Amino acid sequence: QVQLMESGGGLAQPGGSLRLSCAASGSIFSINVMGWYRQAPGKQRELVAVITGGGRTTYADPVKGRFTISRDNAKNTVYLQMNSLKPEDTAVYFCRLIVGLDGYWGQGTQVTVSS
């Protein structure tokens, strides 16, 4: 059984920053992919960023240069540093863990960017 615990969402002003964290627990192998997705009201869930166990990263175009994904393999934790936030970044952010053929989702954390 795998569980994902997210934290760090909240309210930020445009141009501000937030940092999301997601800690995984349970039967987790070292070779896995962790990432973040988001879903805005009325829209489909979309990829934000992913990072492999070896540290290779992929970012969605709208967040390139503003968001940074990182991970601590010893803690099975993935982070998302979000800078220069824009109102269009407002969404529920979901942590994602892929281990082999199995995928797991976190419960989601709300990020709201508004003045």
N, C-alpha and C. Protein backbone atom coordinates (compact mmCIF):
# COMPACT_ATOMS: atom_id res chain seq x y z
N GLN A 1 0.85 -1.20 0.00
CA GLN A 1 0.00 0.00 0.00
C GLN A 1 0.88 1.25 0.00
N VAL A 2 0.58 2.15 -0.89
CA VAL A 2 1.34 3.40 -1.00
C VAL A 2 0.44 4.57 -0.66
N GLN A 3 0.96 5.50 0.11
CA GLN A 3 0.23 6.72 0.44
C GLN A 3 1.07 7.93 0.10
N LEU A 4 0.40 8.97 -0.37
CA LEU A 4 1.05 10.23 -0.70
C LEU A 4 0.44 11.33 0.15
N MET A 5 1.29 12.07 0.83
CA MET A 5 0.82 13.16 1.70
C MET A 5 1.37 14.47 1.18
N GLU A 6 0.47 15.34 0.71
CA GLU A 6 0.85 16.63 0.17
C GLU A 6 0.71 17.73 1.21
N SER A 7 1.50 18.77 1.03
CA SER A 7 1.39 19.96 1.87
C SER A 7 1.96 21.15 1.13
N GLY A 8 1.62 22.35 1.62
CA GLY A 8 2.24 23.55 1.10
C GLY A 8 1.38 24.42 0.22
N GLY A 9 0.16 24.00 -0.08
CA GLY A 9 -0.70 24.84 -0.89
C GLY A 9 -1.19 26.04 -0.10
N GLY A 10 -1.91 26.93 -0.78
CA GLY A 10 -2.45 28.10 -0.11
C GLY A 10 -2.68 29.24 -1.07
N LEU A 11 -2.71 30.43 -0.51
CA LEU A 11 -2.98 31.64 -1.28
C LEU A 11 -1.69 32.42 -1.49
N ALA A 12 -1.46 32.85 -2.70
CA ALA A 12 -0.29 33.68 -3.01
C ALA A 12 -0.72 34.82 -3.92
N GLN A 13 -0.01 35.91 -3.85
CA GLN A 13 -0.26 37.04 -4.74
C GLN A 13 0.46 36.80 -6.07
N PRO A 14 -0.03 37.41 -7.12
CA PRO A 14 0.71 37.32 -8.40
C PRO A 14 2.15 37.77 -8.22
N GLY A 15 3.07 37.00 -8.77
CA GLY A 15 4.48 37.26 -8.60
C GLY A 15 5.09 36.62 -7.37
N GLY A 16 4.25 36.04 -6.54
CA GLY A 16 4.71 35.41 -5.31
C GLY A 16 5.18 33.98 -5.52
N SER A 17 5.47 33.32 -4.40
CA SER A 17 6.01 31.98 -4.44
C SER A 17 5.30 31.07 -3.44
N LEU A 18 5.28 29.81 -3.78
CA LEU A 18 4.82 28.75 -2.88
C LEU A 18 5.67 27.52 -3.11
N ARG A 19 5.77 26.68 -2.09
CA ARG A 19 6.50 25.43 -2.23
C ARG A 19 5.60 24.28 -1.79
N LEU A 20 5.41 23.32 -2.68
CA LEU A 20 4.63 22.14 -2.38
C LEU A 20 5.56 20.98 -2.04
N SER A 21 5.08 20.14 -1.14
CA SER A 21 5.82 18.93 -0.77
C SER A 21 4.89 17.73 -0.86
N CYS A 22 5.46 16.59 -1.18
CA CYS A 22 4.68 15.35 -1.24
C CYS A 22 5.56 14.22 -0.73
N ALA A 23 5.16 13.63 0.38
CA ALA A 23 5.92 12.53 0.97
C ALA A 23 5.20 11.21 0.68
N ALA A 24 5.94 10.26 0.17
CA ALA A 24 5.40 8.94 -0.14
C ALA A 24 5.81 7.95 0.93
N SER A 25 4.87 7.08 1.27
CA SER A 25 5.16 6.04 2.25
C SER A 25 4.57 4.73 1.76
N GLY A 26 5.13 3.62 2.25
CA GLY A 26 4.64 2.32 1.85
C GLY A 26 5.68 1.55 1.06
N SER A 27 5.21 0.67 0.20
CA SER A 27 6.09 -0.20 -0.59
C SER A 27 6.56 0.55 -1.83
N ILE A 28 7.67 1.24 -1.68
CA ILE A 28 8.19 2.07 -2.76
C ILE A 28 9.58 1.60 -3.14
N PHE A 29 9.77 1.34 -4.41
CA PHE A 29 11.08 0.98 -4.89
C PHE A 29 11.82 2.23 -5.32
N SER A 30 13.12 2.14 -5.33
CA SER A 30 13.92 3.32 -5.63
C SER A 30 13.73 3.78 -7.07
N ILE A 31 13.44 2.85 -7.97
CA ILE A 31 13.26 3.24 -9.36
C ILE A 31 11.81 3.65 -9.56
N ASN A 32 11.56 4.93 -9.61
CA ASN A 32 10.19 5.40 -9.78
C ASN A 32 10.22 6.82 -10.35
N VAL A 33 9.07 7.29 -10.70
CA VAL A 33 8.91 8.65 -11.19
C VAL A 33 7.94 9.37 -10.27
N MET A 34 8.28 10.56 -9.89
CA MET A 34 7.38 11.38 -9.07
C MET A 34 7.10 12.68 -9.81
N GLY A 35 5.94 13.22 -9.57
CA GLY A 35 5.61 14.43 -10.29
C GLY A 35 4.42 15.16 -9.73
N TRP A 36 4.08 16.24 -10.41
CA TRP A 36 2.95 17.07 -10.04
C TRP A 36 2.06 17.31 -11.27
N TYR A 37 0.78 17.23 -11.03
CA TYR A 37 -0.23 17.59 -12.01
C TYR A 37 -1.12 18.64 -11.38
N ARG A 38 -1.92 19.29 -12.19
CA ARG A 38 -2.86 20.26 -11.66
C ARG A 38 -4.15 20.22 -12.45
N GLN A 39 -5.22 20.64 -11.76
CA GLN A 39 -6.53 20.68 -12.40
C GLN A 39 -7.24 21.95 -11.98
N ALA A 40 -7.50 22.81 -12.94
CA ALA A 40 -8.25 24.03 -12.70
C ALA A 40 -9.74 23.76 -12.90
N PRO A 41 -10.60 24.58 -12.31
CA PRO A 41 -12.05 24.37 -12.46
C PRO A 41 -12.47 24.32 -13.92
N GLY A 42 -13.21 23.29 -14.28
CA GLY A 42 -13.70 23.15 -15.64
C GLY A 42 -12.69 22.68 -16.65
N LYS A 43 -11.49 22.33 -16.18
CA LYS A 43 -10.44 21.90 -17.11
C LYS A 43 -9.97 20.50 -16.75
N GLN A 44 -9.30 19.88 -17.71
CA GLN A 44 -8.74 18.55 -17.46
C GLN A 44 -7.46 18.65 -16.64
N ARG A 45 -7.17 17.57 -15.95
CA ARG A 45 -5.92 17.49 -15.20
C ARG A 45 -4.75 17.50 -16.19
N GLU A 46 -3.72 18.27 -15.86
CA GLU A 46 -2.60 18.41 -16.76
C GLU A 46 -1.27 18.24 -16.03
N LEU A 47 -0.28 17.81 -16.78
CA LEU A 47 1.06 17.66 -16.24
C LEU A 47 1.66 19.01 -15.90
N VAL A 48 2.32 19.09 -14.76
CA VAL A 48 3.10 20.28 -14.41
C VAL A 48 4.59 19.97 -14.55
N ALA A 49 5.04 18.95 -13.85
CA ALA A 49 6.46 18.57 -13.90
C ALA A 49 6.61 17.17 -13.34
N VAL A 50 7.62 16.46 -13.85
CA VAL A 50 7.95 15.15 -13.31
C VAL A 50 9.45 15.04 -13.16
N ILE A 51 9.87 14.12 -12.28
CA ILE A 51 11.28 13.89 -12.05
C ILE A 51 11.51 12.40 -11.84
N THR A 52 12.53 11.85 -12.49
CA THR A 52 12.84 10.44 -12.35
C THR A 52 13.70 10.21 -11.10
N GLY A 53 13.90 8.95 -10.78
CA GLY A 53 14.75 8.62 -9.64
C GLY A 53 16.18 9.12 -9.83
N GLY A 54 16.59 9.22 -11.09
CA GLY A 54 17.94 9.71 -11.39
C GLY A 54 18.03 11.22 -11.50
N GLY A 55 16.90 11.90 -11.35
CA GLY A 55 16.91 13.35 -11.34
C GLY A 55 16.58 14.02 -12.66
N ARG A 56 16.21 13.24 -13.67
CA ARG A 56 15.84 13.85 -14.95
C ARG A 56 14.48 14.50 -14.81
N THR A 57 14.35 15.74 -15.30
CA THR A 57 13.12 16.50 -15.13
C THR A 57 12.45 16.84 -16.46
N THR A 58 11.14 16.98 -16.40
CA THR A 58 10.34 17.42 -17.53
C THR A 58 9.33 18.43 -17.02
N TYR A 59 9.17 19.52 -17.75
CA TYR A 59 8.24 20.57 -17.35
C TYR A 59 7.25 20.87 -18.47
N ALA A 60 6.05 21.22 -18.06
CA ALA A 60 5.08 21.73 -19.02
C ALA A 60 5.52 23.13 -19.45
N ASP A 61 5.23 23.48 -20.69
CA ASP A 61 5.68 24.78 -21.20
C ASP A 61 5.22 25.97 -20.36
N PRO A 62 3.98 25.98 -19.86
CA PRO A 62 3.53 27.17 -19.11
C PRO A 62 4.31 27.44 -17.82
N VAL A 63 5.02 26.45 -17.30
CA VAL A 63 5.71 26.65 -16.03
C VAL A 63 7.23 26.67 -16.17
N LYS A 64 7.73 26.44 -17.37
CA LYS A 64 9.18 26.43 -17.56
C LYS A 64 9.78 27.76 -17.17
N GLY A 65 10.87 27.70 -16.42
CA GLY A 65 11.55 28.91 -15.98
C GLY A 65 10.98 29.51 -14.71
N ARG A 66 9.83 29.01 -14.27
CA ARG A 66 9.20 29.55 -13.06
C ARG A 66 9.11 28.50 -11.95
N PHE A 67 8.86 27.25 -12.32
CA PHE A 67 8.71 26.18 -11.35
C PHE A 67 9.94 25.28 -11.39
N THR A 68 10.28 24.73 -10.23
CA THR A 68 11.39 23.79 -10.14
C THR A 68 10.96 22.57 -9.34
N ILE A 69 11.11 21.40 -9.94
CA ILE A 69 10.80 20.15 -9.23
C ILE A 69 12.09 19.54 -8.73
N SER A 70 12.04 18.98 -7.54
CA SER A 70 13.21 18.32 -6.96
C SER A 70 12.73 17.17 -6.08
N ARG A 71 13.65 16.33 -5.66
CA ARG A 71 13.25 15.21 -4.82
C ARG A 71 14.37 14.84 -3.86
N ASP A 72 13.96 14.25 -2.76
CA ASP A 72 14.88 13.71 -1.77
C ASP A 72 14.58 12.21 -1.72
N ASN A 73 15.43 11.41 -2.36
CA ASN A 73 15.17 9.99 -2.45
C ASN A 73 15.21 9.30 -1.09
N ALA A 74 16.03 9.79 -0.20
CA ALA A 74 16.12 9.20 1.14
C ALA A 74 14.81 9.36 1.91
N LYS A 75 14.09 10.43 1.60
CA LYS A 75 12.82 10.71 2.28
C LYS A 75 11.61 10.38 1.42
N ASN A 76 11.85 9.88 0.20
CA ASN A 76 10.75 9.61 -0.74
C ASN A 76 9.81 10.81 -0.85
N THR A 77 10.42 11.95 -0.99
CA THR A 77 9.66 13.21 -1.03
C THR A 77 10.00 13.98 -2.29
N VAL A 78 8.96 14.54 -2.90
CA VAL A 78 9.14 15.40 -4.07
C VAL A 78 8.64 16.80 -3.73
N TYR A 79 9.31 17.79 -4.26
CA TYR A 79 8.99 19.18 -4.00
C TYR A 79 8.69 19.90 -5.31
N LEU A 80 7.89 20.94 -5.20
CA LEU A 80 7.64 21.82 -6.33
C LEU A 80 7.77 23.25 -5.85
N GLN A 81 8.85 23.91 -6.24
CA GLN A 81 9.04 25.32 -5.92
C GLN A 81 8.41 26.14 -7.04
N MET A 82 7.45 26.95 -6.68
CA MET A 82 6.71 27.73 -7.66
C MET A 82 6.99 29.21 -7.44
N ASN A 83 7.64 29.83 -8.39
CA ASN A 83 7.97 31.25 -8.33
C ASN A 83 7.23 32.01 -9.43
N SER A 84 7.21 33.31 -9.29
CA SER A 84 6.55 34.18 -10.29
C SER A 84 5.15 33.66 -10.62
N LEU A 85 4.40 33.37 -9.58
CA LEU A 85 3.08 32.79 -9.77
C LEU A 85 2.16 33.74 -10.51
N LYS A 86 1.28 33.14 -11.30
CA LYS A 86 0.30 33.89 -12.09
C LYS A 86 -1.11 33.42 -11.71
N PRO A 87 -2.12 34.26 -11.92
CA PRO A 87 -3.49 33.82 -11.62
C PRO A 87 -3.85 32.51 -12.34
N GLU A 88 -3.34 32.31 -13.53
CA GLU A 88 -3.65 31.09 -14.27
C GLU A 88 -3.00 29.84 -13.69
N ASP A 89 -2.16 30.00 -12.68
CA ASP A 89 -1.61 28.84 -11.97
C ASP A 89 -2.59 28.32 -10.91
N THR A 90 -3.68 29.03 -10.69
CA THR A 90 -4.67 28.61 -9.72
C THR A 90 -5.27 27.27 -10.12
N ALA A 91 -5.18 26.30 -9.21
CA ALA A 91 -5.66 24.94 -9.49
C ALA A 91 -5.48 24.09 -8.25
N VAL A 92 -6.03 22.90 -8.29
CA VAL A 92 -5.69 21.88 -7.31
C VAL A 92 -4.49 21.13 -7.85
N TYR A 93 -3.45 21.04 -7.06
CA TYR A 93 -2.22 20.37 -7.46
C TYR A 93 -2.17 18.97 -6.85
N PHE A 94 -1.91 17.99 -7.70
CA PHE A 94 -1.89 16.60 -7.28
C PHE A 94 -0.48 16.01 -7.43
N CYS A 95 -0.06 15.32 -6.40
CA CYS A 95 1.18 14.59 -6.46
C CYS A 95 0.93 13.26 -7.17
N ARG A 96 1.94 12.82 -7.92
CA ARG A 96 1.83 11.57 -8.66
C ARG A 96 3.08 10.74 -8.45
N LEU A 97 2.88 9.44 -8.18
CA LEU A 97 4.00 8.51 -8.03
C LEU A 97 3.75 7.33 -8.95
N ILE A 98 4.75 6.99 -9.74
CA ILE A 98 4.67 5.83 -10.62
C ILE A 98 5.78 4.87 -10.23
N VAL A 99 5.38 3.65 -9.87
CA VAL A 99 6.32 2.60 -9.50
C VAL A 99 6.03 1.41 -10.40
N GLY A 100 6.92 1.15 -11.33
CA GLY A 100 6.68 0.09 -12.29
C GLY A 100 5.45 0.40 -13.11
N LEU A 101 4.46 -0.50 -13.07
CA LEU A 101 3.22 -0.30 -13.82
C LEU A 101 2.11 0.31 -12.96
N ASP A 102 2.41 0.61 -11.73
CA ASP A 102 1.40 1.15 -10.81
C ASP A 102 1.55 2.66 -10.65
N GLY A 103 0.41 3.34 -10.61
CA GLY A 103 0.41 4.78 -10.40
C GLY A 103 -0.45 5.15 -9.21
N TYR A 104 -0.04 6.18 -8.49
CA TYR A 104 -0.74 6.61 -7.29
C TYR A 104 -0.90 8.13 -7.32
N TRP A 105 -2.03 8.60 -6.78
CA TRP A 105 -2.32 10.02 -6.70
C TRP A 105 -2.42 10.46 -5.25
N GLY A 106 -1.98 11.68 -5.00
CA GLY A 106 -2.25 12.31 -3.72
C GLY A 106 -3.66 12.86 -3.71
N GLN A 107 -4.06 13.41 -2.56
CA GLN A 107 -5.43 13.90 -2.41
C GLN A 107 -5.62 15.27 -3.02
N GLY A 108 -4.54 15.95 -3.32
CA GLY A 108 -4.61 17.28 -3.92
C GLY A 108 -4.49 18.39 -2.90
N THR A 109 -3.88 19.48 -3.32
CA THR A 109 -3.76 20.66 -2.46
C THR A 109 -4.07 21.90 -3.30
N GLN A 110 -4.88 22.78 -2.75
CA GLN A 110 -5.35 23.95 -3.49
C GLN A 110 -4.27 25.03 -3.52
N VAL A 111 -4.02 25.55 -4.70
CA VAL A 111 -3.15 26.72 -4.88
C VAL A 111 -3.99 27.80 -5.54
N THR A 112 -4.07 28.95 -4.88
CA THR A 112 -4.83 30.08 -5.40
C THR A 112 -3.91 31.28 -5.53
N VAL A 113 -3.88 31.85 -6.72
CA VAL A 113 -3.04 33.03 -6.97
C VAL A 113 -3.97 34.19 -7.28
N SER A 114 -4.01 35.15 -6.36
CA SER A 114 -4.95 36.26 -6.49
C SER A 114 -4.46 37.44 -5.67
N SER A 115 -4.77 38.64 -6.17
CA SER A 115 -4.44 39.84 -5.41
C SER A 115 -5.62 40.27 -4.55
